[in-house]
C-alpha atoms as a PDB file:
ATOM      1  CA  MET A   1       0.000   0.000   0.000  1.00  0.00           C
ATOM      2  CA  ARG A   2       1.640   3.246  -1.137  1.00  0.00           C
ATOM      3  CA  TYR A   3       0.044   6.639  -1.449  1.00  0.00           C
ATOM      4  CA  ASP A   4       1.787   9.723  -2.777  1.00  0.00           C
ATOM      5  CA  SER A   5       1.617  12.400  -0.125  1.00  0.00           C
ATOM      6  CA  ASP A   6      -1.579  11.894   1.867  1.00  0.00           C
ATOM      7  CA  TRP A   7      -1.031  10.832   5.445  1.00  0.00           C
ATOM      8  CA  VAL A   8      -2.374  11.481   8.938  1.00  0.00           C
ATOM      9  CA  TYR A   9      -1.146  11.095  12.492  1.00  0.00           C
ATOM     10  CA  VAL A  10      -3.250   8.552  14.391  1.00  0.00           C
ATOM     11  CA  ASN A  11      -3.515   8.791  18.181  1.00  0.00           C
ATOM     12  CA  MET A  12      -2.272   5.456  19.525  1.00  0.00           C
ATOM     13  CA  GLY A  13      -2.861   6.431  23.180  1.00  0.00           C
ATOM     14  CA  ASN A  14      -0.553   7.431  26.011  1.00  0.00           C
ATOM     15  CA  HIS A  15       0.798  10.408  24.011  1.00  0.00           C
ATOM     16  CA  HIS A  16       1.972   8.197  21.141  1.00  0.00           C
ATOM     17  CA  TYR A  17       1.122   8.916  17.513  1.00  0.00           C
ATOM     18  CA  GLN A  18       1.657   6.964  14.322  1.00  0.00           C
ATOM     19  CA  LYS A  19       2.155   8.582  10.926  1.00  0.00           C
ATOM     20  CA  ARG A  20       0.001   6.625   8.522  1.00  0.00           C
ATOM     21  CA  PRO A  21      -0.565   6.875   4.753  1.00  0.00           C
ATOM     22  CA  VAL A  22      -4.191   7.237   3.659  1.00  0.00           C
ATOM     23  CA  LYS A  23      -6.103   7.175   0.396  1.00  0.00           C
ATOM     24  CA  VAL A  24      -8.196  10.336   0.208  1.00  0.00           C
ATOM     25  CA  GLY A  25     -11.371  10.705  -1.816  1.00  0.00           C
ATOM     26  CA  PRO A  26     -13.383  13.880  -2.412  1.00  0.00           C
ATOM     27  CA  ARG A  27     -12.369  16.986  -0.453  1.00  0.00           C
ATOM     28  CA  LEU A  28     -14.589  19.907   0.496  1.00  0.00           C
ATOM     29  CA  LYS A  29     -13.050  22.864   2.340  1.00  0.00           C
ATOM     30  CA  ASP A  30     -11.696  21.441   5.628  1.00  0.00           C
ATOM     31  CA  ARG A  31     -13.140  17.928   5.214  1.00  0.00           C
ATOM     32  CA  ALA A  32     -12.118  14.862   3.237  1.00  0.00           C
ATOM     33  CA  VAL A  33     -13.338  11.338   2.700  1.00  0.00           C
ATOM     34  CA  ILE A  34     -10.746   8.725   3.724  1.00  0.00           C
ATOM     35  CA  HIS A  35     -11.126   5.575   1.614  1.00  0.00           C
ATOM     36  CA  GLU A  36      -8.219   3.567   3.053  1.00  0.00           C
ATOM     37  CA  GLY A  37      -5.705   3.726   5.871  1.00  0.00           C
ATOM     38  CA  LEU A  38      -7.958   4.274   8.909  1.00  0.00           C
ATOM     39  CA  ASN A  39     -10.200   2.027  10.945  1.00  0.00           C
ATOM     40  CA  PRO A  40     -13.565   3.103  12.369  1.00  0.00           C
ATOM     41  CA  GLY A  41     -13.182   4.823  15.723  1.00  0.00           C
ATOM     42  CA  GLU A  42      -9.533   5.817  15.305  1.00  0.00           C
ATOM     43  CA  HIS A  43      -8.699   9.390  16.258  1.00  0.00           C
ATOM     44  CA  VAL A  44      -6.521  11.551  14.023  1.00  0.00           C
ATOM     45  CA  VAL A  45      -4.645  14.739  14.815  1.00  0.00           C
ATOM     46  CA  ILE A  46      -6.408  17.782  13.407  1.00  0.00           C
ATOM     47  CA  GLU A  47      -4.347  20.451  15.168  1.00  0.00           C
ATOM     48  CA  GLY A  48      -0.670  20.439  16.091  1.00  0.00           C
ATOM     49  CA  ALA A  49       0.517  18.067  13.359  1.00  0.00           C
ATOM     50  CA  LEU A  50       3.422  20.398  12.553  1.00  0.00           C
ATOM     51  CA  LEU A  51       4.714  19.944  16.089  1.00  0.00           C
ATOM     52  CA  LEU A  52       4.454  16.156  15.786  1.00  0.00           C
ATOM     53  CA  ARG A  53       6.255  16.314  12.464  1.00  0.00           C
ATOM     54  CA  ALA A  54       9.073  18.367  13.992  1.00  0.00           C
ATOM     55  CA  GLU A  55       9.384  15.916  16.904  1.00  0.00           C
ATOM     56  CA  GLN A  56       9.459  13.007  14.468  1.00  0.00           C
ATOM     57  CA  GLY A  57      12.332  14.631  12.587  1.00  0.00           C
ATOM     58  CA  SER A  58      14.193  15.225  15.840  1.00  0.00           C
ATOM     59  CA  ALA A  59      13.775  11.597  16.922  1.00  0.00           C
ATOM     60  CA  LEU A  60      14.954  10.364  13.524  1.00  0.00           C
ATOM     61  CA  GLN A  61      18.042  12.568  13.717  1.00  0.00           C
ATOM     62  CA  LYS A  62      18.875  11.220  17.211  1.00  0.00           C
ATOM     63  CA  ARG A  63      18.680   7.632  15.943  1.00  0.00           C
ATOM     64  CA  GLN A  64      20.942   8.429  13.003  1.00  0.00           C
ATOM     65  CA  ASP A  65      23.438  10.153  15.302  1.00  0.00           C
ATOM     66  CA  GLN A  66      23.599   7.065  17.556  1.00  0.00           C
ATOM     67  CA  ARG A  67      24.717   4.799  14.713  1.00  0.00           C
END
C-alpha cells in the first residue's frame, strides 16, 4: 500500500502517535473522505501536526546520530 503524499497522524494512546498513509477521496473545504488507511473509531490529529512532524524529525536525527 503506497500513497503519494496523503497521510495522517493517528492517536495510539498514552501520548503516542503513528504517521500513517491514507487514500483520500473527495475533499470539500476542511473535510475529506478517507477511503483507506484508517479504521472506524480511530482518532486523528487535526491540530498540532506540525509539532508532531518536527518531533518526528528530531527523533529520527537522534537515531541516526547514535549509529
